[in-house]
Amino acid sequence: MQTQLVLTIISDDKPGVVEALAQTIAQHQGNWLESRMAQLAGKFAGILQIAVDTENEAALRRALDNLAHQGLKIITESSAETVKTFGKEFQFSVVGNDRPGIVFEIAQAFASRHINMSELETACSSMPWSGEPMFEATGLILVPKTVDMNELYDQLDTIADELAVDVRLECPAEDVHH
């Protein structure tokens, strides 16, 4: 039987971090399934899903803990059983002058409607014409069928006006998640 594990990793950004993880997982017959990793502010951070035979799980967890000697902080969790929500997937984007509270306002609009944000990526840069700080966010949300889309669009328009940002929702495909 296999167990699914989710790892969160943080360390100083240096060559060999992914190799150390991959080697440790492979040595314990684990299978690297899915990951998101990035370098931010001199740190390497990631989230990783792996599968491992149940009889190798304890040894793999100990080996991952031992990577702390190489400067890797790893939290290992058993994968949660997910409850599938029926709904439609949308891509969203937010662009505007950087200011505190943008992520909170958007996240609150989604969470208050039981909309799951499955991906979020943000960045700050400078506007080319003025040098002013610019905030950008993109991500994916799963909107339950029970959500009044007109009301959601109205709230996002209000947030966009209040924060002076552009908020867009796009439906990338016509799939309905089961």
N, C-alpha and C. Protein backbone atom coordinates (compact mmCIF):
# COMPACT_ATOMS: atom_id res chain seq x y z
N MET A 1 0.84 -1.19 0.00
CA MET A 1 0.00 0.00 0.00
C MET A 1 0.88 1.24 0.00
N GLN A 2 0.40 2.28 -0.68
CA GLN A 2 1.18 3.51 -0.74
C GLN A 2 0.55 4.61 0.09
N THR A 3 1.42 5.46 0.60
CA THR A 3 1.02 6.63 1.36
C THR A 3 1.41 7.85 0.54
N GLN A 4 0.57 8.86 0.56
CA GLN A 4 0.89 10.13 -0.10
C GLN A 4 1.34 11.10 0.99
N LEU A 5 2.47 11.75 0.76
CA LEU A 5 2.99 12.74 1.69
C LEU A 5 3.10 14.08 1.00
N VAL A 6 2.91 15.14 1.77
CA VAL A 6 3.11 16.50 1.29
C VAL A 6 4.21 17.11 2.14
N LEU A 7 5.25 17.62 1.47
CA LEU A 7 6.39 18.22 2.15
C LEU A 7 6.41 19.72 1.87
N THR A 8 6.70 20.50 2.89
CA THR A 8 7.05 21.91 2.68
C THR A 8 8.51 22.04 3.06
N ILE A 9 9.22 22.77 2.23
CA ILE A 9 10.68 22.87 2.36
C ILE A 9 11.08 24.34 2.32
N ILE A 10 12.01 24.70 3.18
CA ILE A 10 12.64 26.02 3.10
C ILE A 10 14.11 25.87 3.48
N SER A 11 14.94 26.59 2.77
CA SER A 11 16.38 26.60 3.07
C SER A 11 16.99 27.82 2.43
N ASP A 12 18.26 28.06 2.75
CA ASP A 12 18.98 29.08 2.00
C ASP A 12 19.05 28.61 0.56
N ASP A 13 18.99 29.54 -0.37
CA ASP A 13 19.06 29.16 -1.78
C ASP A 13 20.50 28.84 -2.13
N LYS A 14 20.74 27.58 -2.52
CA LYS A 14 22.08 27.12 -2.87
C LYS A 14 21.96 25.91 -3.79
N PRO A 15 22.96 25.66 -4.60
CA PRO A 15 22.90 24.49 -5.47
C PRO A 15 22.80 23.20 -4.64
N GLY A 16 22.05 22.23 -5.17
CA GLY A 16 22.00 20.92 -4.54
C GLY A 16 20.80 20.65 -3.66
N VAL A 17 19.94 21.63 -3.43
CA VAL A 17 18.79 21.42 -2.55
C VAL A 17 17.84 20.39 -3.17
N VAL A 18 17.47 20.59 -4.43
CA VAL A 18 16.55 19.66 -5.09
C VAL A 18 17.19 18.29 -5.21
N GLU A 19 18.49 18.25 -5.51
CA GLU A 19 19.19 16.97 -5.61
C GLU A 19 19.14 16.21 -4.30
N ALA A 20 19.38 16.89 -3.18
CA ALA A 20 19.36 16.24 -1.86
C ALA A 20 17.97 15.66 -1.57
N LEU A 21 16.93 16.43 -1.90
CA LEU A 21 15.56 15.95 -1.72
C LEU A 21 15.30 14.72 -2.60
N ALA A 22 15.62 14.86 -3.88
CA ALA A 22 15.35 13.78 -4.83
C ALA A 22 16.11 12.50 -4.47
N GLN A 23 17.36 12.66 -4.05
CA GLN A 23 18.16 11.50 -3.68
C GLN A 23 17.57 10.80 -2.46
N THR A 24 17.18 11.56 -1.47
CA THR A 24 16.60 10.99 -0.25
C THR A 24 15.30 10.26 -0.56
N ILE A 25 14.47 10.86 -1.38
CA ILE A 25 13.20 10.23 -1.76
C ILE A 25 13.45 8.95 -2.54
N ALA A 26 14.36 9.00 -3.51
CA ALA A 26 14.67 7.83 -4.34
C ALA A 26 15.27 6.69 -3.51
N GLN A 27 16.15 7.04 -2.55
CA GLN A 27 16.78 6.01 -1.70
C GLN A 27 15.76 5.23 -0.88
N HIS A 28 14.59 5.81 -0.68
CA HIS A 28 13.54 5.17 0.11
C HIS A 28 12.37 4.74 -0.77
N GLN A 29 12.66 4.57 -2.06
CA GLN A 29 11.69 4.12 -3.05
C GLN A 29 10.44 5.01 -3.11
N GLY A 30 10.64 6.29 -2.85
CA GLY A 30 9.54 7.24 -2.97
C GLY A 30 9.41 7.71 -4.41
N ASN A 31 8.24 8.19 -4.75
CA ASN A 31 7.97 8.69 -6.09
C ASN A 31 7.60 10.17 -6.02
N TRP A 32 8.41 11.03 -6.65
CA TRP A 32 8.19 12.47 -6.70
C TRP A 32 7.03 12.71 -7.65
N LEU A 33 5.89 13.22 -7.16
CA LEU A 33 4.70 13.36 -7.99
C LEU A 33 4.51 14.77 -8.54
N GLU A 34 4.41 15.73 -7.65
CA GLU A 34 4.06 17.08 -8.07
C GLU A 34 4.77 18.06 -7.15
N SER A 35 5.21 19.19 -7.69
CA SER A 35 5.89 20.17 -6.84
C SER A 35 5.74 21.57 -7.38
N ARG A 36 5.89 22.52 -6.49
CA ARG A 36 5.98 23.95 -6.81
C ARG A 36 7.14 24.46 -5.98
N MET A 37 8.12 25.03 -6.64
CA MET A 37 9.31 25.49 -5.93
C MET A 37 9.76 26.83 -6.51
N ALA A 38 10.36 27.64 -5.66
CA ALA A 38 10.80 28.96 -6.10
C ALA A 38 11.89 29.49 -5.18
N GLN A 39 12.63 30.45 -5.70
CA GLN A 39 13.62 31.18 -4.93
C GLN A 39 13.01 32.55 -4.66
N LEU A 40 12.99 32.94 -3.38
CA LEU A 40 12.46 34.24 -2.98
C LEU A 40 13.38 34.83 -1.92
N ALA A 41 13.84 36.04 -2.17
CA ALA A 41 14.62 36.79 -1.18
C ALA A 41 15.78 35.96 -0.60
N GLY A 42 16.48 35.24 -1.47
CA GLY A 42 17.63 34.46 -1.02
C GLY A 42 17.29 33.14 -0.36
N LYS A 43 16.03 32.80 -0.32
CA LYS A 43 15.59 31.53 0.26
C LYS A 43 15.00 30.66 -0.86
N PHE A 44 15.14 29.35 -0.69
CA PHE A 44 14.51 28.37 -1.56
C PHE A 44 13.31 27.84 -0.80
N ALA A 45 12.15 27.84 -1.42
CA ALA A 45 10.94 27.35 -0.76
C ALA A 45 10.17 26.47 -1.73
N GLY A 46 9.54 25.45 -1.18
CA GLY A 46 8.78 24.58 -2.06
C GLY A 46 7.76 23.76 -1.32
N ILE A 47 6.86 23.21 -2.12
CA ILE A 47 5.89 22.24 -1.64
C ILE A 47 5.94 21.08 -2.62
N LEU A 48 5.87 19.87 -2.09
CA LEU A 48 6.13 18.67 -2.89
C LEU A 48 5.21 17.55 -2.44
N GLN A 49 4.63 16.85 -3.40
CA GLN A 49 3.81 15.67 -3.11
C GLN A 49 4.58 14.44 -3.56
N ILE A 50 4.67 13.46 -2.68
CA ILE A 50 5.35 12.21 -3.01
C ILE A 50 4.47 11.03 -2.60
N ALA A 51 4.73 9.89 -3.23
CA ALA A 51 4.09 8.63 -2.86
C ALA A 51 5.20 7.69 -2.41
N VAL A 52 4.93 6.92 -1.36
CA VAL A 52 5.92 5.98 -0.85
C VAL A 52 5.18 4.76 -0.30
N ASP A 53 5.79 3.58 -0.47
CA ASP A 53 5.20 2.38 0.11
C ASP A 53 5.13 2.56 1.62
N THR A 54 4.03 2.13 2.22
CA THR A 54 3.80 2.31 3.65
C THR A 54 4.96 1.78 4.49
N GLU A 55 5.56 0.66 4.07
CA GLU A 55 6.66 0.09 4.87
C GLU A 55 7.92 0.95 4.83
N ASN A 56 8.04 1.86 3.87
CA ASN A 56 9.22 2.74 3.78
C ASN A 56 8.97 4.14 4.35
N GLU A 57 7.73 4.42 4.74
CA GLU A 57 7.36 5.77 5.15
C GLU A 57 8.16 6.26 6.36
N ALA A 58 8.24 5.48 7.40
CA ALA A 58 8.92 5.92 8.64
C ALA A 58 10.39 6.22 8.36
N ALA A 59 11.06 5.34 7.61
CA ALA A 59 12.48 5.56 7.30
C ALA A 59 12.65 6.81 6.43
N LEU A 60 11.75 7.03 5.49
CA LEU A 60 11.83 8.23 4.65
C LEU A 60 11.62 9.48 5.50
N ARG A 61 10.65 9.46 6.40
CA ARG A 61 10.42 10.63 7.26
C ARG A 61 11.67 10.94 8.10
N ARG A 62 12.33 9.89 8.64
CA ARG A 62 13.56 10.11 9.42
C ARG A 62 14.66 10.69 8.54
N ALA A 63 14.80 10.18 7.33
CA ALA A 63 15.84 10.66 6.41
C ALA A 63 15.58 12.13 6.03
N LEU A 64 14.32 12.48 5.81
CA LEU A 64 13.99 13.87 5.50
C LEU A 64 14.31 14.78 6.69
N ASP A 65 14.01 14.31 7.90
CA ASP A 65 14.35 15.08 9.10
C ASP A 65 15.86 15.29 9.20
N ASN A 66 16.64 14.29 8.78
CA ASN A 66 18.10 14.40 8.85
C ASN A 66 18.66 15.41 7.86
N LEU A 67 17.90 15.81 6.87
CA LEU A 67 18.36 16.84 5.93
C LEU A 67 18.51 18.20 6.61
N ALA A 68 18.01 18.31 7.85
CA ALA A 68 18.21 19.55 8.62
C ALA A 68 19.70 19.83 8.80
N HIS A 69 20.52 18.78 8.83
CA HIS A 69 21.97 18.96 8.95
C HIS A 69 22.55 19.67 7.74
N GLN A 70 21.82 19.63 6.61
CA GLN A 70 22.26 20.34 5.40
C GLN A 70 21.55 21.68 5.25
N GLY A 71 20.84 22.10 6.29
CA GLY A 71 20.20 23.41 6.28
C GLY A 71 18.79 23.42 5.70
N LEU A 72 18.19 22.25 5.49
CA LEU A 72 16.83 22.19 4.97
C LEU A 72 15.84 22.03 6.11
N LYS A 73 14.86 22.90 6.16
CA LYS A 73 13.77 22.75 7.12
C LYS A 73 12.62 22.12 6.35
N ILE A 74 12.20 20.94 6.76
CA ILE A 74 11.17 20.20 6.05
C ILE A 74 10.06 19.81 7.01
N ILE A 75 8.84 20.10 6.64
CA ILE A 75 7.67 19.65 7.38
C ILE A 75 7.00 18.60 6.51
N THR A 76 6.76 17.42 7.06
CA THR A 76 6.16 16.32 6.32
C THR A 76 4.78 16.03 6.90
N GLU A 77 3.79 16.02 6.04
CA GLU A 77 2.41 15.74 6.45
C GLU A 77 1.85 14.64 5.58
N SER A 78 0.98 13.81 6.14
CA SER A 78 0.24 12.85 5.34
C SER A 78 -0.77 13.61 4.51
N SER A 79 -0.94 13.17 3.28
CA SER A 79 -1.87 13.83 2.37
C SER A 79 -3.29 13.71 2.92
N ALA A 80 -4.02 14.80 2.85
CA ALA A 80 -5.40 14.80 3.33
C ALA A 80 -6.31 14.26 2.25
N GLU A 81 -7.35 13.58 2.68
CA GLU A 81 -8.37 13.16 1.73
C GLU A 81 -9.10 14.42 1.29
N THR A 82 -9.22 14.61 0.01
CA THR A 82 -9.87 15.82 -0.48
C THR A 82 -11.33 15.54 -0.79
N VAL A 83 -12.14 16.50 -0.45
CA VAL A 83 -13.55 16.42 -0.78
C VAL A 83 -13.72 17.20 -2.07
N LYS A 84 -14.21 16.55 -3.09
CA LYS A 84 -14.39 17.20 -4.38
C LYS A 84 -15.57 18.16 -4.31
N THR A 85 -15.33 19.37 -4.79
CA THR A 85 -16.38 20.37 -4.86
C THR A 85 -16.81 20.49 -6.31
N PHE A 86 -18.10 20.52 -6.54
CA PHE A 86 -18.59 20.72 -7.89
C PHE A 86 -18.55 22.20 -8.19
N GLY A 87 -18.06 22.54 -9.35
CA GLY A 87 -18.01 23.94 -9.70
C GLY A 87 -17.20 24.15 -10.95
N LYS A 88 -16.88 25.40 -11.17
CA LYS A 88 -16.17 25.79 -12.38
C LYS A 88 -14.84 26.42 -11.99
N GLU A 89 -13.80 26.08 -12.73
CA GLU A 89 -12.48 26.64 -12.46
C GLU A 89 -12.32 27.94 -13.24
N PHE A 90 -11.79 28.95 -12.57
CA PHE A 90 -11.51 30.23 -13.19
C PHE A 90 -10.07 30.62 -12.93
N GLN A 91 -9.47 31.29 -13.89
CA GLN A 91 -8.19 31.95 -13.67
C GLN A 91 -8.52 33.37 -13.24
N PHE A 92 -7.75 33.90 -12.29
CA PHE A 92 -7.97 35.29 -11.93
C PHE A 92 -6.64 36.03 -11.99
N SER A 93 -6.75 37.33 -12.19
CA SER A 93 -5.55 38.17 -12.16
C SER A 93 -5.91 39.50 -11.51
N VAL A 94 -4.94 40.06 -10.82
CA VAL A 94 -5.07 41.36 -10.17
C VAL A 94 -3.80 42.13 -10.49
N VAL A 95 -3.95 43.35 -10.99
CA VAL A 95 -2.80 44.20 -11.31
C VAL A 95 -3.11 45.61 -10.85
N GLY A 96 -2.14 46.25 -10.21
CA GLY A 96 -2.33 47.65 -9.82
C GLY A 96 -1.19 48.15 -8.97
N ASN A 97 -1.34 49.39 -8.51
CA ASN A 97 -0.34 49.97 -7.62
C ASN A 97 -0.25 49.12 -6.36
N ASP A 98 0.97 48.84 -5.93
CA ASP A 98 1.16 48.02 -4.74
C ASP A 98 0.72 48.79 -3.50
N ARG A 99 0.01 48.10 -2.63
CA ARG A 99 -0.43 48.67 -1.35
C ARG A 99 -0.82 47.51 -0.45
N PRO A 100 -0.74 47.69 0.86
CA PRO A 100 -1.15 46.63 1.78
C PRO A 100 -2.63 46.30 1.62
N GLY A 101 -2.98 45.02 1.76
CA GLY A 101 -4.38 44.62 1.83
C GLY A 101 -4.97 44.03 0.57
N ILE A 102 -4.27 44.08 -0.56
CA ILE A 102 -4.86 43.58 -1.80
C ILE A 102 -5.15 42.08 -1.70
N VAL A 103 -4.18 41.29 -1.29
CA VAL A 103 -4.38 39.84 -1.21
C VAL A 103 -5.50 39.53 -0.21
N PHE A 104 -5.51 40.22 0.92
CA PHE A 104 -6.55 39.99 1.92
C PHE A 104 -7.95 40.25 1.35
N GLU A 105 -8.13 41.37 0.68
CA GLU A 105 -9.45 41.71 0.15
C GLU A 105 -9.94 40.70 -0.88
N ILE A 106 -9.06 40.28 -1.78
CA ILE A 106 -9.44 39.31 -2.81
C ILE A 106 -9.72 37.95 -2.14
N ALA A 107 -8.82 37.53 -1.23
CA ALA A 107 -8.99 36.23 -0.56
C ALA A 107 -10.29 36.22 0.25
N GLN A 108 -10.62 37.34 0.89
CA GLN A 108 -11.85 37.42 1.67
C GLN A 108 -13.08 37.31 0.77
N ALA A 109 -13.03 37.94 -0.41
CA ALA A 109 -14.16 37.85 -1.35
C ALA A 109 -14.38 36.39 -1.76
N PHE A 110 -13.30 35.67 -2.00
CA PHE A 110 -13.42 34.27 -2.39
C PHE A 110 -13.87 33.40 -1.21
N ALA A 111 -13.19 33.52 -0.08
CA ALA A 111 -13.47 32.65 1.07
C ALA A 111 -14.90 32.83 1.59
N SER A 112 -15.40 34.06 1.57
CA SER A 112 -16.75 34.30 2.07
C SER A 112 -17.81 33.59 1.24
N ARG A 113 -17.44 33.15 0.03
CA ARG A 113 -18.36 32.42 -0.85
C ARG A 113 -17.98 30.95 -0.98
N HIS A 114 -17.10 30.48 -0.10
CA HIS A 114 -16.63 29.08 -0.11
C HIS A 114 -15.94 28.74 -1.43
N ILE A 115 -15.25 29.74 -1.99
CA ILE A 115 -14.49 29.54 -3.22
C ILE A 115 -13.07 29.17 -2.81
N ASN A 116 -12.60 28.04 -3.32
CA ASN A 116 -11.26 27.57 -2.98
C ASN A 116 -10.24 28.17 -3.94
N MET A 117 -9.20 28.79 -3.37
CA MET A 117 -8.10 29.30 -4.18
C MET A 117 -7.06 28.19 -4.24
N SER A 118 -6.93 27.55 -5.39
CA SER A 118 -6.02 26.40 -5.50
C SER A 118 -4.61 26.81 -5.90
N GLU A 119 -4.46 27.97 -6.50
CA GLU A 119 -3.12 28.47 -6.83
C GLU A 119 -3.12 29.98 -6.67
N LEU A 120 -2.00 30.50 -6.20
CA LEU A 120 -1.81 31.95 -6.08
C LEU A 120 -0.34 32.24 -6.30
N GLU A 121 -0.07 33.15 -7.20
CA GLU A 121 1.30 33.61 -7.44
C GLU A 121 1.27 35.13 -7.46
N THR A 122 2.15 35.75 -6.70
CA THR A 122 2.18 37.20 -6.64
C THR A 122 3.59 37.70 -6.93
N ALA A 123 3.66 38.95 -7.38
CA ALA A 123 4.96 39.57 -7.64
C ALA A 123 4.81 41.08 -7.51
N CYS A 124 5.90 41.71 -7.13
CA CYS A 124 5.96 43.17 -7.10
C CYS A 124 7.06 43.59 -8.07
N SER A 125 6.77 44.63 -8.83
CA SER A 125 7.75 45.16 -9.76
C SER A 125 7.52 46.67 -9.85
N SER A 126 8.18 47.30 -10.79
CA SER A 126 8.01 48.74 -10.97
C SER A 126 7.29 49.01 -12.28
N MET A 127 6.39 49.98 -12.24
CA MET A 127 5.71 50.37 -13.47
C MET A 127 6.73 51.03 -14.39
N PRO A 128 6.75 50.62 -15.66
CA PRO A 128 7.79 51.10 -16.57
C PRO A 128 7.78 52.61 -16.78
N TRP A 129 6.61 53.22 -16.79
CA TRP A 129 6.54 54.64 -17.10
C TRP A 129 6.73 55.55 -15.91
N SER A 130 6.53 55.02 -14.68
CA SER A 130 6.61 55.90 -13.51
C SER A 130 7.58 55.41 -12.44
N GLY A 131 7.93 54.13 -12.47
CA GLY A 131 8.76 53.57 -11.42
C GLY A 131 8.01 53.27 -10.14
N GLU A 132 6.69 53.54 -10.11
CA GLU A 132 5.86 53.25 -8.94
C GLU A 132 5.80 51.73 -8.72
N PRO A 133 5.70 51.29 -7.45
CA PRO A 133 5.59 49.86 -7.20
C PRO A 133 4.27 49.30 -7.76
N MET A 134 4.38 48.19 -8.48
CA MET A 134 3.21 47.56 -9.08
C MET A 134 3.07 46.15 -8.50
N PHE A 135 1.83 45.78 -8.17
CA PHE A 135 1.51 44.47 -7.62
C PHE A 135 0.79 43.66 -8.69
N GLU A 136 1.16 42.38 -8.80
CA GLU A 136 0.48 41.48 -9.72
C GLU A 136 0.19 40.18 -8.99
N ALA A 137 -1.00 39.64 -9.18
CA ALA A 137 -1.35 38.33 -8.64
C ALA A 137 -2.09 37.56 -9.72
N THR A 138 -1.80 36.27 -9.80
CA THR A 138 -2.54 35.39 -10.69
C THR A 138 -2.81 34.10 -9.93
N GLY A 139 -3.84 33.40 -10.33
CA GLY A 139 -4.12 32.14 -9.66
C GLY A 139 -5.32 31.43 -10.25
N LEU A 140 -5.67 30.35 -9.58
CA LEU A 140 -6.82 29.54 -9.97
C LEU A 140 -7.78 29.42 -8.80
N ILE A 141 -9.06 29.49 -9.09
CA ILE A 141 -10.08 29.29 -8.07
C ILE A 141 -11.10 28.29 -8.58
N LEU A 142 -11.74 27.59 -7.66
CA LEU A 142 -12.84 26.69 -8.00
C LEU A 142 -14.10 27.28 -7.39
N VAL A 143 -15.00 27.71 -8.26
CA VAL A 143 -16.22 28.39 -7.83
C VAL A 143 -17.37 27.39 -7.77
N PRO A 144 -17.93 27.17 -6.56
CA PRO A 144 -19.07 26.25 -6.44
C PRO A 144 -20.25 26.72 -7.30
N LYS A 145 -21.04 25.77 -7.74
CA LYS A 145 -22.19 26.09 -8.59
C LYS A 145 -23.20 26.99 -7.88
N THR A 146 -23.17 26.97 -6.54
CA THR A 146 -24.15 27.75 -5.78
C THR A 146 -23.82 29.24 -5.73
N VAL A 147 -22.63 29.64 -6.18
CA VAL A 147 -22.22 31.04 -6.10
C VAL A 147 -22.96 31.87 -7.16
N ASP A 148 -23.50 32.99 -6.73
CA ASP A 148 -24.12 33.95 -7.65
C ASP A 148 -22.97 34.71 -8.32
N MET A 149 -22.70 34.37 -9.58
CA MET A 149 -21.55 34.96 -10.27
C MET A 149 -21.69 36.46 -10.44
N ASN A 150 -22.91 36.95 -10.65
CA ASN A 150 -23.10 38.40 -10.79
C ASN A 150 -22.71 39.12 -9.51
N GLU A 151 -23.09 38.53 -8.36
CA GLU A 151 -22.74 39.12 -7.07
C GLU A 151 -21.22 39.09 -6.86
N LEU A 152 -20.57 37.98 -7.25
CA LEU A 152 -19.12 37.89 -7.13
C LEU A 152 -18.44 38.95 -8.00
N TYR A 153 -18.87 39.08 -9.24
CA TYR A 153 -18.29 40.10 -10.14
C TYR A 153 -18.49 41.50 -9.56
N ASP A 154 -19.68 41.76 -8.98
CA ASP A 154 -19.94 43.07 -8.38
C ASP A 154 -18.99 43.34 -7.22
N GLN A 155 -18.77 42.33 -6.36
CA GLN A 155 -17.87 42.54 -5.23
C GLN A 155 -16.44 42.76 -5.71
N LEU A 156 -16.01 41.99 -6.71
CA LEU A 156 -14.65 42.16 -7.25
C LEU A 156 -14.49 43.54 -7.90
N ASP A 157 -15.55 44.02 -8.56
CA ASP A 157 -15.50 45.37 -9.13
C ASP A 157 -15.37 46.42 -8.03
N THR A 158 -16.09 46.24 -6.92
CA THR A 158 -16.00 47.17 -5.79
C THR A 158 -14.59 47.17 -5.21
N ILE A 159 -14.03 45.98 -5.02
CA ILE A 159 -12.66 45.86 -4.50
C ILE A 159 -11.68 46.52 -5.47
N ALA A 160 -11.86 46.27 -6.75
CA ALA A 160 -10.98 46.87 -7.76
C ALA A 160 -11.03 48.38 -7.69
N ASP A 161 -12.24 48.94 -7.54
CA ASP A 161 -12.38 50.39 -7.44
C ASP A 161 -11.74 50.93 -6.16
N GLU A 162 -11.99 50.26 -5.02
CA GLU A 162 -11.46 50.73 -3.74
C GLU A 162 -9.94 50.68 -3.69
N LEU A 163 -9.35 49.63 -4.28
CA LEU A 163 -7.90 49.46 -4.22
C LEU A 163 -7.19 49.98 -5.46
N ALA A 164 -7.94 50.49 -6.42
CA ALA A 164 -7.40 50.99 -7.68
C ALA A 164 -6.55 49.92 -8.38
N VAL A 165 -7.14 48.73 -8.50
CA VAL A 165 -6.50 47.63 -9.20
C VAL A 165 -7.44 47.10 -10.28
N ASP A 166 -6.88 46.36 -11.21
CA ASP A 166 -7.66 45.68 -12.24
C ASP A 166 -7.82 44.23 -11.81
N VAL A 167 -9.06 43.74 -11.69
CA VAL A 167 -9.33 42.36 -11.31
C VAL A 167 -10.06 41.70 -12.47
N ARG A 168 -9.54 40.53 -12.89
CA ARG A 168 -10.19 39.79 -13.98
C ARG A 168 -10.39 38.33 -13.61
N LEU A 169 -11.51 37.78 -14.05
CA LEU A 169 -11.79 36.35 -13.93
C LEU A 169 -11.99 35.83 -15.34
N GLU A 170 -11.37 34.70 -15.64
CA GLU A 170 -11.54 34.07 -16.94
C GLU A 170 -11.75 32.59 -16.73
N CYS A 171 -12.63 32.00 -17.52
CA CYS A 171 -12.87 30.57 -17.45
C CYS A 171 -11.96 29.91 -18.49
N PRO A 172 -10.90 29.18 -18.04
CA PRO A 172 -9.93 28.64 -18.99
C PRO A 172 -10.45 27.47 -19.81
N ALA A 173 -11.43 26.73 -19.29
CA ALA A 173 -11.97 25.58 -20.02
C ALA A 173 -13.41 25.40 -19.62
N GLU A 174 -14.09 24.62 -20.36
CA GLU A 174 -15.49 24.36 -20.05
C GLU A 174 -15.67 23.12 -19.18
N ASP A 175 -14.58 22.62 -18.56
CA ASP A 175 -14.74 21.43 -17.71
C ASP A 175 -15.47 21.77 -16.44
N VAL A 176 -16.23 20.84 -15.99
CA VAL A 176 -16.83 20.92 -14.67
C VAL A 176 -16.14 19.85 -13.84
N HIS A 177 -15.59 20.24 -12.68
CA HIS A 177 -14.86 19.29 -11.83
C HIS A 177 -15.85 18.44 -11.05
N HIS A 178 -15.59 17.17 -11.00
CA HIS A 178 -16.47 16.23 -10.28
C HIS A 178 -15.84 15.84 -8.99
